[in-house]
Amino acid sequence: MDRDDLFGPLREAIEAGAAQALGSLYGLEGPFHYKFETPPDPAMGHLALACFPFAKAAKTGPPIIAQALAQALGSINGLAEARAVGPYLNFFLSPRYLADRLLTSALMPDFGNSSQGKGQRLLLEYSSPNTNKPLHLGHGRNNLLGMALANLSETQGFEVIKVNLVNDRGIHICKSMLAYQTFGQSETPESSGLKGDKLVGKYYVEYDKRSKLDPRLEDQAAQMLRDWEAEVPEVRSLWRTMNDWVLAGFQETYDRLGCQFDQLYFESETYQSGREIVLKAQAEGRVEVEDNGALSIDLTDIGLDKKILLRGDGTSMYITQDLGTTVKKYADFYFDHHFFVVGNEQDYHFKVLFEVLKRFGYDWAARLEHLSYGMITLPEGKMKSREGTVVDLDDLLDEMKALAQTEIESREIFGPKEQDLIGATAEWVGQGAVKYFILKSGAAREMQFNPKESLSFDGQTGPYLQYTHARISSLAKRAQEVELGSKEGYAWSGQETELLVQLGRFYELLQFCFSERNPAPLCTYLYELARNYNKYYYDQPVLKAEPNERRARLDLGLAVQAVLAKGLKILGIEPLKRM
């Protein structure tokens, strides 16, 4: 049993007591089906047991059963009251029990953690950019989901290995190379003043413009790809130079966002290994040979199509290199689970990939999971990188920082001698706005990012949560100047009890987010916790209360702050002490 599992032991105690009562009252023998629910209104209770499942066997109406069980189950440790409400038995938790369990443990860094993943290795692949352009807002959603899911997985006890598969080969890469070779005039990141990824992206856009006027560029790009595969020295040298520029630019953005990877894979290093896997499968009779010599696998029996795995000329398909990379990752890490964070336009691809691996005899294919997410747009419309209208992630972060700085300066938070703090705070507030707004939407949904709405200091936003955290920091600082008594014997109010219950739900909330592979419920939880605390803050004096009341109310605030901080860090958002 995990330390912070508050409701699990209570359910078990209720089940044991209910089984005994059902036996003594109605002569029933288990096993019984217990249906627990969370009442829609905390005033109705903190946990509810539906009595419908017992009615048929007991030959008694659920409301009568609920009343009988209420009398039998009122003395369970941790419960203040068991109350029959129609066909439900509603339980109210003891605030003193909650305070004793939570106010200290909530301050611990591992509060809410589970051991369900202990001893298991989870490989999580995210980002997966192409080295022909800078990271854009779509990559931003991928990176933020990947980071948050990695952090959530770690709270569940998994050993998490974060990997990034860099798409550094193919015709799209050669298009940037050809445009640079033809029109670049030896421009470099240093001479242009551009980040390396932005410089290369500039020539990807240039290729698109020029190729519309000169169709010969298409053939030239295709020839460059053939030269790359033939390892022509001049082509390979240019490719390495431009790739290095892009990777250096990516790293600046990753560092800014807080993205970390334990392993980088490059398609240029793995694409050929997939060919050997397909040829081995051919020798084992697992694939078919087409009239043109191509190798295919027929997946129509499960509603998929026939898939070409190798072209007739022996060259690889996109799925071929993914077969090779995935097999290599298993050989490198022997993972128990592997999550791929990739947009929903690749849903079909991953169904095929996983099925092919399964049919090729890799039993670990059952451990693979595609975590799909919807596309993201701005109010102006969808992003298109070839036309140069893509929403550059660096530019967006700069814009959000500037907007945040304007808001911070208008609030006069920092004094004349603290102006150096404004820029750093604006950076964290701007990032908090972006990260929370993107993550609060369910991953599967397409979404529209609204910069101004995300930056509001009120409502369901990242800055609102950061502000609440800062407010409690200010309270704690001011509390150092007043007398604090003991909270022993403090009578917790209903409002305070609800905050304690919310803290107690954090453990199961993290489990739920992991099981759903979705950080959005955590975003909602943190907003509701902050909103309820702010209402409490306005309703109940803290520092102007009696000394023993000050201690209890301050400790509650510090527990709320600690949970806010942990939740924000899971989302990749910096908790702030001043705002």
Protein backbone atom coordinates (compact mmCIF):
# COMPACT_ATOMS: atom_id res chain seq x y z
CA MET A 1 0.00 0.00 0.00
CA ASP A 2 1.43 3.36 -1.01
CA ARG A 3 1.81 5.97 1.74
CA ASP A 4 -0.42 8.58 0.11
CA ASP A 5 -3.23 6.25 -0.97
CA LEU A 6 -5.94 7.84 1.15
CA PHE A 7 -9.11 6.47 -0.39
CA GLY A 8 -7.92 2.93 -1.17
CA PRO A 9 -7.74 1.78 2.48
CA LEU A 10 -11.05 3.51 3.23
CA ARG A 11 -12.78 1.63 0.42
CA GLU A 12 -11.31 -1.64 1.65
CA ALA A 13 -12.52 -0.96 5.21
CA ILE A 14 -15.99 -0.03 3.90
CA GLU A 15 -16.14 -3.19 1.78
CA ALA A 16 -15.16 -5.35 4.76
CA GLY A 17 -17.71 -3.69 7.02
CA ALA A 18 -20.44 -3.84 4.35
CA ALA A 19 -19.83 -7.54 3.72
CA GLN A 20 -20.17 -8.29 7.43
CA ALA A 21 -23.31 -6.16 7.73
CA LEU A 22 -24.95 -7.67 4.62
CA GLY A 23 -24.29 -11.10 6.04
CA SER A 24 -25.71 -10.37 9.47
CA LEU A 25 -28.68 -8.26 8.25
CA TYR A 26 -29.75 -10.22 5.16
CA GLY A 27 -27.91 -13.52 5.36
CA LEU A 28 -25.97 -12.74 2.20
CA GLU A 29 -22.60 -14.21 1.31
CA GLY A 30 -20.05 -12.57 -0.93
CA PRO A 31 -18.30 -11.84 -3.08
CA PHE A 32 -20.16 -8.56 -3.58
CA HIS A 33 -19.88 -5.98 -6.32
CA TYR A 34 -19.06 -2.61 -4.77
CA LYS A 35 -19.74 0.50 -6.81
CA PHE A 36 -18.06 3.59 -5.36
CA GLU A 37 -18.65 7.07 -6.73
CA THR A 38 -17.66 10.63 -5.96
CA PRO A 39 -20.73 12.72 -5.03
CA PRO A 40 -21.28 15.65 -7.42
CA ASP A 41 -21.45 18.09 -4.49
CA PRO A 42 -19.01 17.86 -1.53
CA ALA A 43 -21.93 18.82 0.74
CA MET A 44 -23.38 15.40 -0.09
CA GLY A 45 -20.24 13.57 1.02
CA HIS A 46 -16.70 12.75 -0.05
CA LEU A 47 -17.28 9.14 -1.11
CA ALA A 48 -20.47 7.28 -2.00
CA LEU A 49 -21.39 3.60 -2.12
CA ALA A 50 -24.28 2.70 -4.42
CA CYS A 51 -26.58 0.11 -2.86
CA PHE A 52 -28.27 -1.00 -6.10
CA PRO A 53 -26.04 -4.09 -6.50
CA PHE A 54 -27.25 -5.54 -3.18
CA ALA A 55 -30.98 -5.03 -3.69
CA LYS A 56 -31.87 -8.13 -5.68
CA ALA A 57 -30.10 -10.61 -3.41
CA ALA A 58 -31.33 -8.86 -0.24
CA LYS A 59 -34.88 -8.54 -1.64
CA THR A 60 -34.88 -5.04 -0.14
CA GLY A 61 -34.95 -1.57 -1.67
CA PRO A 62 -31.60 0.23 -2.02
CA PRO A 63 -32.66 3.16 0.25
CA ILE A 64 -33.46 0.78 3.10
CA ILE A 65 -30.15 -1.05 2.61
CA ALA A 66 -28.34 2.29 2.66
CA GLN A 67 -29.98 3.24 5.97
CA ALA A 68 -29.07 -0.12 7.52
CA LEU A 69 -25.46 0.08 6.37
CA ALA A 70 -25.15 3.67 7.62
CA GLN A 71 -25.75 2.48 11.16
CA ALA A 72 -23.27 -0.39 10.77
CA LEU A 73 -20.41 1.52 9.12
CA GLY A 74 -20.21 4.79 11.02
CA SER A 75 -17.24 3.83 13.18
CA ILE A 76 -14.60 3.20 10.49
CA ASN A 77 -11.32 4.99 11.19
CA GLY A 78 -11.04 8.13 9.10
CA LEU A 79 -14.78 8.64 8.68
CA ALA A 80 -16.72 11.36 10.45
CA GLU A 81 -20.12 10.17 9.29
CA ALA A 82 -21.90 7.61 7.12
CA ARG A 83 -25.19 9.06 5.83
CA ALA A 84 -27.91 7.36 3.79
CA VAL A 85 -29.09 9.57 0.92
CA GLY A 86 -31.68 7.71 -1.12
CA PRO A 87 -30.08 4.60 -2.64
CA TYR A 88 -26.57 5.80 -1.77
CA LEU A 89 -24.51 5.53 1.38
CA ASN A 90 -22.45 8.74 1.54
CA PHE A 91 -19.31 9.02 3.63
CA PHE A 92 -17.82 12.17 5.13
CA LEU A 93 -14.13 12.07 6.01
CA SER A 94 -12.86 13.30 9.35
CA PRO A 95 -11.00 16.62 8.94
CA ARG A 96 -8.69 15.80 11.83
CA TYR A 97 -7.83 12.47 10.20
CA LEU A 98 -7.19 14.27 6.90
CA ALA A 99 -5.02 16.94 8.51
CA ASP A 100 -2.94 14.34 10.37
CA ARG A 101 -2.45 12.34 7.16
CA LEU A 102 -1.84 15.17 4.70
CA LEU A 103 -0.38 18.37 6.12
CA THR A 104 3.07 16.86 6.62
CA SER A 105 3.19 14.36 3.77
CA ALA A 106 1.97 16.95 1.24
CA LEU A 107 5.22 18.84 1.79
CA MET A 108 7.33 15.84 0.74
CA PRO A 109 8.73 15.78 -2.83
CA ASP A 110 7.26 12.33 -3.48
CA PHE A 111 3.76 13.19 -2.27
CA GLY A 112 1.15 11.47 -4.39
CA ASN A 113 3.60 9.03 -5.96
CA SER A 114 2.63 5.44 -6.73
CA SER A 115 4.72 2.29 -6.87
CA GLN A 116 2.70 0.65 -9.67
CA GLY A 117 5.58 0.98 -12.16
CA LYS A 118 8.36 -0.09 -9.81
CA GLY A 119 10.89 -2.29 -11.56
CA GLN A 120 9.54 -1.48 -15.03
CA ARG A 121 11.28 0.46 -17.78
CA LEU A 122 9.21 2.81 -19.91
CA LEU A 123 10.64 4.19 -23.14
CA LEU A 124 8.98 7.42 -24.22
CA GLU A 125 9.70 8.84 -27.67
CA TYR A 126 8.70 12.41 -28.34
CA SER A 127 9.61 15.49 -30.39
CA SER A 128 10.88 13.67 -33.53
CA PRO A 129 11.64 16.78 -35.60
CA ASN A 130 12.84 17.05 -39.19
CA THR A 131 16.21 18.73 -39.70
CA ASN A 132 14.98 21.03 -42.46
CA LYS A 133 13.20 23.67 -40.39
CA PRO A 134 12.90 25.10 -36.87
CA LEU A 135 10.50 23.73 -34.29
CA HIS A 136 6.99 25.13 -34.70
CA LEU A 137 3.89 25.28 -32.53
CA GLY A 138 2.92 21.74 -33.51
CA HIS A 139 6.26 20.49 -32.23
CA GLY A 140 5.54 22.53 -29.12
CA ARG A 141 2.43 20.50 -28.37
CA ASN A 142 4.38 17.29 -28.95
CA ASN A 143 7.24 18.37 -26.69
CA LEU A 144 4.95 19.56 -23.90
CA LEU A 145 2.89 16.36 -23.97
CA GLY A 146 6.07 14.26 -24.02
CA MET A 147 7.61 16.06 -21.05
CA ALA A 148 4.41 15.96 -19.01
CA LEU A 149 3.82 12.26 -19.74
CA ALA A 150 7.41 11.45 -18.81
CA ASN A 151 7.00 13.30 -15.51
CA LEU A 152 3.66 11.60 -14.83
CA SER A 153 5.20 8.20 -15.54
CA GLU A 154 7.98 8.89 -13.07
CA THR A 155 5.41 9.64 -10.34
CA GLN A 156 4.10 6.12 -10.92
CA GLY A 157 7.46 4.55 -10.19
CA PHE A 158 8.58 3.76 -13.76
CA GLU A 159 12.16 4.12 -14.89
CA VAL A 160 11.55 6.51 -17.77
CA ILE A 161 13.92 6.68 -20.74
CA LYS A 162 13.22 9.72 -22.94
CA VAL A 163 14.28 9.36 -26.56
CA ASN A 164 14.13 11.57 -29.63
CA LEU A 165 14.09 10.13 -33.15
CA VAL A 166 15.52 12.82 -35.41
CA ASN A 167 14.34 12.67 -39.01
CA ASP A 168 17.59 13.73 -40.64
CA ARG A 169 17.39 12.10 -44.06
CA GLY A 170 15.03 12.07 -47.02
CA ILE A 171 13.86 14.24 -49.86
CA HIS A 172 12.67 17.06 -47.58
CA ILE A 173 16.19 17.38 -46.17
CA CYS A 174 17.67 17.44 -49.66
CA LYS A 175 15.34 20.25 -50.70
CA SER A 176 16.81 22.54 -48.06
CA MET A 177 20.31 21.43 -49.01
CA LEU A 178 19.75 22.08 -52.72
CA ALA A 179 18.31 25.54 -52.11
CA TYR A 180 21.23 26.44 -49.85
CA GLN A 181 23.78 25.05 -52.30
CA THR A 182 22.22 26.97 -55.18
CA PHE A 183 21.22 30.24 -53.54
CA GLY A 184 22.95 30.36 -50.16
CA GLN A 185 26.19 32.14 -51.07
CA SER A 186 27.99 30.43 -48.16
CA GLU A 187 25.71 32.02 -45.58
CA THR A 188 26.18 30.69 -42.03
CA PRO A 189 24.36 31.12 -38.71
CA GLU A 190 27.18 33.42 -37.60
CA SER A 191 27.16 35.60 -40.72
CA SER A 192 23.35 35.79 -40.87
CA GLY A 193 22.69 36.21 -37.16
CA LEU A 194 20.11 33.42 -37.36
CA LYS A 195 19.82 30.29 -35.26
CA GLY A 196 20.95 27.31 -37.31
CA ASP A 197 17.51 25.76 -37.55
CA LYS A 198 16.03 29.07 -38.70
CA LEU A 199 18.70 29.47 -41.38
CA VAL A 200 18.07 25.99 -42.79
CA GLY A 201 14.32 26.53 -42.58
CA LYS A 202 14.76 29.72 -44.59
CA TYR A 203 16.12 27.64 -47.47
CA TYR A 204 13.34 25.04 -47.18
CA VAL A 205 10.91 27.89 -47.80
CA GLU A 206 13.15 29.22 -50.57
CA TYR A 207 13.09 25.83 -52.29
CA ASP A 208 9.29 25.78 -52.25
CA LYS A 209 9.13 29.22 -53.87
CA ARG A 210 11.78 28.49 -56.48
CA SER A 211 10.48 25.03 -57.44
CA LYS A 212 7.13 26.52 -58.43
CA LEU A 213 8.99 28.62 -60.99
CA ASP A 214 11.57 26.01 -62.00
CA PRO A 215 10.26 22.38 -62.07
CA ARG A 216 13.80 21.12 -62.73
CA LEU A 217 14.57 21.58 -59.05
CA GLU A 218 12.41 18.53 -58.23
CA ASP A 219 14.69 16.28 -60.32
CA GLN A 220 17.77 17.92 -58.84
CA ALA A 221 16.54 17.29 -55.30
CA ALA A 222 15.82 13.66 -56.16
CA GLN A 223 19.32 13.31 -57.60
CA MET A 224 20.79 14.82 -54.43
CA LEU A 225 18.98 12.18 -52.39
CA ARG A 226 20.44 9.44 -54.59
CA ASP A 227 23.87 11.02 -54.17
CA TRP A 228 23.35 11.12 -50.41
CA GLU A 229 22.47 7.42 -50.34
CA ALA A 230 25.52 6.72 -52.54
CA GLU A 231 27.58 8.65 -49.94
CA VAL A 232 28.94 11.18 -52.41
CA PRO A 233 31.47 13.09 -50.24
CA GLU A 234 30.43 16.62 -51.22
CA VAL A 235 26.76 15.91 -50.56
CA ARG A 236 27.46 14.19 -47.27
CA SER A 237 29.68 17.07 -46.14
CA LEU A 238 26.99 19.66 -46.86
CA TRP A 239 24.39 17.44 -45.14
CA ARG A 240 26.51 17.13 -41.98
CA THR A 241 27.14 20.89 -41.85
CA MET A 242 23.48 21.83 -42.20
CA ASN A 243 22.34 19.09 -39.82
CA ASP A 244 24.75 20.34 -37.18
CA TRP A 245 23.35 23.86 -37.57
CA VAL A 246 19.81 22.61 -37.10
CA LEU A 247 20.60 20.37 -34.13
CA ALA A 248 22.36 23.25 -32.36
CA GLY A 249 19.28 25.42 -32.93
CA PHE A 250 16.98 22.68 -31.67
CA GLN A 251 19.04 22.33 -28.51
CA GLU A 252 18.61 26.02 -27.69
CA THR A 253 14.85 25.64 -27.91
CA TYR A 254 14.87 22.38 -25.94
CA ASP A 255 16.93 23.99 -23.18
CA ARG A 256 14.55 26.92 -23.05
CA LEU A 257 11.50 24.64 -22.73
CA GLY A 258 13.16 22.23 -20.31
CA CYS A 259 13.08 19.28 -22.74
CA GLN A 260 15.54 16.53 -21.92
CA PHE A 261 16.43 13.33 -23.73
CA ASP A 262 18.39 10.32 -22.56
CA GLN A 263 19.04 9.05 -26.08
CA LEU A 264 18.97 10.49 -29.58
CA TYR A 265 18.31 8.27 -32.60
CA PHE A 266 18.96 9.41 -36.15
CA GLU A 267 17.13 7.96 -39.12
CA SER A 268 20.33 8.31 -41.14
CA GLU A 269 21.87 5.68 -38.86
CA THR A 270 18.94 3.27 -38.61
CA TYR A 271 17.09 3.31 -41.95
CA GLN A 272 19.10 0.48 -43.52
CA SER A 273 18.63 -1.94 -40.61
CA GLY A 274 14.93 -2.17 -41.40
CA ARG A 275 15.79 -3.57 -44.82
CA GLU A 276 17.58 -6.51 -43.21
CA ILE A 277 14.57 -7.19 -40.99
CA VAL A 278 12.25 -7.34 -44.02
CA LEU A 279 14.63 -9.63 -45.95
CA LYS A 280 14.81 -11.94 -42.94
CA ALA A 281 11.01 -12.01 -42.81
CA GLN A 282 10.99 -12.90 -46.53
CA ALA A 283 13.28 -15.85 -45.86
CA GLU A 284 10.86 -16.98 -43.15
CA GLY A 285 7.88 -16.75 -45.51
CA ARG A 286 6.25 -13.86 -43.66
CA VAL A 287 6.02 -11.45 -46.63
CA GLU A 288 4.92 -11.63 -50.26
CA VAL A 289 6.85 -10.77 -53.42
CA GLU A 290 5.00 -8.49 -55.84
CA ASP A 291 5.33 -8.75 -59.64
CA ASN A 292 7.77 -5.83 -59.66
CA GLY A 293 9.93 -7.44 -56.98
CA ALA A 294 8.62 -5.33 -54.10
CA LEU A 295 8.09 -7.04 -50.75
CA SER A 296 4.69 -6.60 -49.09
CA ILE A 297 2.56 -7.87 -46.24
CA ASP A 298 -1.21 -8.31 -46.48
CA LEU A 299 -3.04 -6.88 -43.45
CA THR A 300 -6.53 -6.83 -44.97
CA ASP A 301 -7.68 -9.56 -42.58
CA ILE A 302 -7.68 -7.00 -39.74
CA GLY A 303 -9.07 -4.09 -41.74
CA LEU A 304 -5.75 -2.60 -42.84
CA ASP A 305 -4.30 -2.56 -46.36
CA LYS A 306 -1.57 -4.47 -48.09
CA LYS A 307 1.64 -2.66 -47.17
CA ILE A 308 4.77 -2.38 -49.31
CA LEU A 309 7.83 -2.86 -47.08
CA LEU A 310 10.58 -2.70 -49.68
CA ARG A 311 10.36 -1.21 -53.16
CA GLY A 312 11.11 -3.32 -56.21
CA ASP A 313 14.54 -1.70 -56.51
CA GLY A 314 15.34 -2.74 -52.95
CA THR A 315 15.11 0.75 -51.41
CA SER A 316 13.42 1.36 -48.09
CA MET A 317 9.96 2.74 -47.39
CA TYR A 318 9.16 5.02 -44.46
CA ILE A 319 7.89 2.06 -42.45
CA THR A 320 11.05 0.10 -43.23
CA GLN A 321 13.22 2.50 -41.26
CA ASP A 322 10.70 2.56 -38.40
CA LEU A 323 10.94 -1.23 -38.19
CA GLY A 324 14.70 -0.97 -37.89
CA THR A 325 14.64 1.85 -35.35
CA THR A 326 12.05 0.17 -33.12
CA VAL A 327 13.92 -3.13 -33.07
CA LYS A 328 17.13 -1.27 -32.20
CA LYS A 329 15.43 0.56 -29.35
CA TYR A 330 14.29 -2.72 -27.84
CA ALA A 331 17.80 -4.16 -28.18
CA ASP A 332 19.20 -1.07 -26.49
CA PHE A 333 16.79 -0.86 -23.56
CA TYR A 334 14.65 -4.05 -23.26
CA PHE A 335 11.69 -1.86 -22.34
CA ASP A 336 8.51 -3.02 -20.60
CA HIS A 337 6.48 -0.24 -22.24
CA HIS A 338 7.13 2.06 -25.18
CA PHE A 339 5.06 5.20 -25.79
CA PHE A 340 5.27 7.05 -29.11
CA VAL A 341 4.04 10.65 -28.82
CA VAL A 342 3.13 11.43 -32.43
CA GLY A 343 0.32 13.41 -34.06
CA ASN A 344 -2.92 11.77 -35.14
CA GLU A 345 -2.03 12.00 -38.83
CA GLN A 346 0.17 8.97 -38.10
CA ASP A 347 -2.56 6.83 -36.47
CA TYR A 348 -2.72 4.42 -39.40
CA HIS A 349 1.05 4.19 -39.71
CA PHE A 350 1.45 3.01 -36.13
CA LYS A 351 -1.33 0.43 -36.45
CA VAL A 352 0.58 -1.02 -39.40
CA LEU A 353 3.97 -0.79 -37.68
CA PHE A 354 2.81 -2.57 -34.54
CA GLU A 355 1.01 -5.29 -36.51
CA VAL A 356 3.99 -5.93 -38.80
CA LEU A 357 6.31 -6.29 -35.81
CA LYS A 358 3.84 -8.69 -34.23
CA ARG A 359 3.64 -10.83 -37.39
CA PHE A 360 7.41 -10.80 -37.72
CA GLY A 361 7.57 -12.59 -34.37
CA TYR A 362 8.51 -9.78 -31.99
CA ASP A 363 6.39 -10.63 -28.95
CA TRP A 364 7.28 -7.32 -27.31
CA ALA A 365 5.22 -5.55 -29.99
CA ALA A 366 2.32 -5.80 -27.53
CA ARG A 367 4.20 -3.30 -25.33
CA LEU A 368 4.08 -0.55 -27.96
CA GLU A 369 1.56 2.26 -27.67
CA HIS A 370 0.92 5.26 -29.90
CA LEU A 371 -0.12 8.31 -27.87
CA SER A 372 -1.94 10.27 -30.54
CA TYR A 373 -2.75 13.96 -30.33
CA GLY A 374 -4.66 16.44 -32.45
CA MET A 375 -3.28 19.29 -34.47
CA ILE A 376 -2.94 22.81 -33.11
CA THR A 377 -3.70 26.09 -34.85
CA LEU A 378 -3.74 29.79 -34.12
CA PRO A 379 -6.82 31.94 -34.74
CA GLU A 380 -5.27 32.93 -38.08
CA GLY A 381 -5.39 29.36 -39.39
CA LYS A 382 -3.32 26.22 -39.81
CA MET A 383 0.45 26.15 -40.01
CA LYS A 384 2.32 25.46 -43.25
CA SER A 385 6.09 25.27 -43.12
CA ARG A 386 6.76 25.12 -46.87
CA GLU A 387 5.15 28.50 -47.41
CA GLY A 388 6.93 30.16 -44.54
CA THR A 389 3.70 30.84 -42.62
CA VAL A 390 4.51 28.34 -39.87
CA VAL A 391 4.25 29.58 -36.29
CA ASP A 392 7.85 29.43 -35.14
CA LEU A 393 8.04 28.15 -31.56
CA ASP A 394 10.92 30.45 -30.61
CA ASP A 395 9.04 33.46 -31.96
CA LEU A 396 5.91 32.46 -30.07
CA LEU A 397 7.84 32.12 -26.81
CA ASP A 398 9.42 35.53 -27.39
CA GLU A 399 6.01 37.06 -28.03
CA MET A 400 4.56 35.47 -24.89
CA LYS A 401 7.48 36.73 -22.83
CA ALA A 402 6.96 40.25 -24.16
CA LEU A 403 3.23 40.16 -23.39
CA ALA A 404 3.93 38.82 -19.89
CA GLN A 405 6.54 41.51 -19.27
CA THR A 406 4.07 44.23 -20.21
CA GLU A 407 1.54 42.80 -17.75
CA ILE A 408 4.13 42.45 -14.96
CA GLU A 409 5.37 46.01 -15.42
CA SER A 410 1.82 47.33 -15.31
CA ARG A 411 1.31 45.65 -11.94
CA GLU A 412 4.50 47.20 -10.49
CA ILE A 413 5.41 43.95 -8.76
CA PHE A 414 9.14 44.67 -8.61
CA GLY A 415 10.81 47.75 -7.19
CA PRO A 416 13.33 50.03 -8.93
CA LYS A 417 16.26 47.90 -7.72
CA GLU A 418 14.66 44.65 -8.87
CA GLN A 419 14.23 45.36 -12.57
CA ASP A 420 16.58 42.50 -13.44
CA LEU A 421 13.95 40.07 -12.10
CA ILE A 422 11.29 41.20 -14.56
CA GLY A 423 12.76 39.45 -17.60
CA ALA A 424 13.20 36.08 -15.91
CA THR A 425 9.73 36.24 -14.37
CA ALA A 426 8.20 37.21 -17.73
CA GLU A 427 9.91 34.21 -19.34
CA TRP A 428 8.42 31.79 -16.78
CA VAL A 429 4.98 33.40 -16.91
CA GLY A 430 4.96 33.34 -20.72
CA GLN A 431 6.00 29.69 -20.78
CA GLY A 432 3.48 28.85 -18.06
CA ALA A 433 0.75 30.40 -20.19
CA VAL A 434 1.70 28.37 -23.28
CA LYS A 435 2.24 25.07 -21.48
CA TYR A 436 -0.93 25.14 -19.41
CA PHE A 437 -3.16 26.27 -22.28
CA ILE A 438 -1.89 23.49 -24.53
CA LEU A 439 -1.94 20.75 -21.89
CA LYS A 440 -5.37 21.54 -20.42
CA SER A 441 -7.02 20.38 -23.65
CA GLY A 442 -7.42 16.63 -24.04
CA ALA A 443 -4.53 15.32 -26.12
CA ALA A 444 -6.78 13.70 -28.72
CA ARG A 445 -8.59 16.96 -29.51
CA GLU A 446 -7.57 19.44 -32.14
CA MET A 447 -7.18 22.82 -30.51
CA GLN A 448 -6.70 26.49 -31.24
CA PHE A 449 -4.08 28.31 -29.21
CA ASN A 450 -5.09 31.82 -28.15
CA PRO A 451 -2.02 33.72 -26.84
CA LYS A 452 -3.90 36.53 -25.10
CA GLU A 453 -6.44 34.24 -23.46
CA SER A 454 -3.67 31.94 -22.21
CA LEU A 455 -1.89 34.82 -20.49
CA SER A 456 -4.79 35.96 -18.30
CA PHE A 457 -3.99 36.18 -14.59
CA ASP A 458 -7.56 35.08 -13.85
CA GLY A 459 -9.40 31.92 -14.77
CA GLN A 460 -8.08 28.55 -15.89
CA THR A 461 -4.59 29.59 -16.97
CA GLY A 462 -0.99 28.89 -16.05
CA PRO A 463 -0.35 32.42 -14.76
CA TYR A 464 -3.35 32.10 -12.42
CA LEU A 465 -1.80 28.99 -10.86
CA GLN A 466 1.62 30.64 -10.65
CA TYR A 467 0.01 33.66 -9.01
CA THR A 468 -1.72 31.47 -6.40
CA HIS A 469 1.60 29.79 -5.60
CA ALA A 470 3.25 33.22 -5.26
CA ARG A 471 0.43 34.45 -3.04
CA ILE A 472 1.04 31.63 -0.56
CA SER A 473 4.79 32.35 -0.66
CA SER A 474 4.04 35.94 0.31
CA LEU A 475 1.76 34.74 3.09
CA ALA A 476 4.46 32.43 4.46
CA LYS A 477 7.00 35.25 4.42
CA ARG A 478 4.71 37.59 6.31
CA ALA A 479 3.90 34.81 8.79
CA GLN A 480 7.50 34.90 10.00
CA GLU A 481 6.71 38.22 11.67
CA VAL A 482 3.74 37.04 13.78
CA GLU A 483 3.21 34.55 16.59
CA LEU A 484 2.13 31.10 15.51
CA GLY A 485 0.57 28.82 18.08
CA SER A 486 -0.18 25.10 17.97
CA LYS A 487 -2.94 23.76 15.74
CA GLU A 488 -3.68 20.99 18.24
CA GLY A 489 -7.43 20.81 18.80
CA TYR A 490 -8.19 23.19 15.94
CA ALA A 491 -11.77 22.86 14.68
CA TRP A 492 -11.48 22.55 10.89
CA SER A 493 -14.25 24.31 9.00
CA GLY A 494 -16.20 22.81 6.13
CA GLN A 495 -14.27 24.94 3.65
CA GLU A 496 -10.97 23.74 5.06
CA THR A 497 -12.17 20.13 5.04
CA GLU A 498 -12.92 20.38 1.32
CA LEU A 499 -9.41 21.63 0.66
CA LEU A 500 -8.01 18.72 2.67
CA VAL A 501 -10.14 16.27 0.70
CA GLN A 502 -8.85 17.80 -2.54
CA LEU A 503 -5.28 17.26 -1.36
CA GLY A 504 -6.16 13.68 -0.51
CA ARG A 505 -7.36 13.04 -4.06
CA PHE A 506 -3.97 13.95 -5.59
CA TYR A 507 -2.64 10.38 -5.42
CA GLU A 508 -5.52 8.89 -7.40
CA LEU A 509 -5.58 11.87 -9.74
CA LEU A 510 -1.99 11.15 -10.81
CA GLN A 511 -2.84 7.50 -11.32
CA PHE A 512 -5.83 8.46 -13.46
CA CYS A 513 -3.76 10.84 -15.60
CA PHE A 514 -1.22 8.11 -16.23
CA SER A 515 -3.86 5.49 -17.05
CA GLU A 516 -5.46 7.90 -19.51
CA ARG A 517 -2.05 9.01 -20.85
CA ASN A 518 -3.33 12.55 -20.51
CA PRO A 519 -2.18 15.46 -18.29
CA ALA A 520 -5.39 17.46 -18.89
CA PRO A 521 -7.15 16.17 -15.71
CA LEU A 522 -4.16 17.38 -13.69
CA CYS A 523 -4.60 20.85 -15.22
CA THR A 524 -8.24 20.88 -14.15
CA TYR A 525 -7.39 19.59 -10.66
CA LEU A 526 -4.78 22.29 -10.09
CA TYR A 527 -7.13 25.02 -11.25
CA GLU A 528 -9.91 23.84 -8.95
CA LEU A 529 -7.48 23.56 -6.03
CA ALA A 530 -6.18 27.08 -6.65
CA ARG A 531 -9.68 28.49 -7.11
CA ASN A 532 -10.95 26.93 -3.89
CA TYR A 533 -7.91 28.08 -1.96
CA ASN A 534 -8.24 31.65 -3.22
CA LYS A 535 -11.87 31.72 -2.16
CA TYR A 536 -10.85 30.40 1.26
CA TYR A 537 -8.09 33.02 1.44
CA TYR A 538 -10.64 35.79 0.97
CA ASP A 539 -13.17 34.23 3.35
CA GLN A 540 -10.90 33.30 6.25
CA PRO A 541 -8.27 35.57 7.84
CA VAL A 542 -4.92 33.89 8.36
CA LEU A 543 -2.42 36.28 9.92
CA LYS A 544 -5.12 38.31 11.66
CA ALA A 545 -6.60 35.21 13.31
CA GLU A 546 -5.75 33.83 16.74
CA PRO A 547 -2.28 32.21 17.03
CA ASN A 548 -3.53 28.60 16.94
CA GLU A 549 -5.78 29.45 14.00
CA ARG A 550 -2.86 31.07 12.21
CA ARG A 551 -0.80 27.89 12.49
CA ALA A 552 -3.55 25.62 11.18
CA ARG A 553 -4.50 27.92 8.32
CA LEU A 554 -0.91 28.58 7.34
CA ASP A 555 -0.10 24.86 7.35
CA LEU A 556 -3.10 24.23 5.11
CA GLY A 557 -1.90 26.93 2.73
CA LEU A 558 1.61 25.50 2.64
CA ALA A 559 0.21 22.04 1.83
CA VAL A 560 -1.84 23.51 -1.00
CA GLN A 561 1.22 25.37 -2.26
CA ALA A 562 3.34 22.20 -2.22
CA VAL A 563 0.79 20.29 -4.28
CA LEU A 564 0.45 23.19 -6.71
CA ALA A 565 4.23 23.26 -7.07
CA LYS A 566 4.48 19.55 -7.74
CA GLY A 567 1.62 19.61 -10.22
CA LEU A 568 3.09 22.59 -12.05
CA LYS A 569 6.48 20.92 -12.28
CA ILE A 570 4.86 17.80 -13.76
CA LEU A 571 3.42 20.09 -16.44
CA GLY A 572 6.82 21.69 -16.97
CA ILE A 573 5.72 25.02 -15.44
CA GLU A 574 7.88 26.93 -13.00
CA PRO A 575 6.19 27.69 -9.65
CA LEU A 576 6.92 31.33 -8.83
CA LYS A 577 7.44 32.94 -5.43
CA ARG A 578 6.73 36.48 -6.63
CA MET A 579 4.34 37.69 -9.29
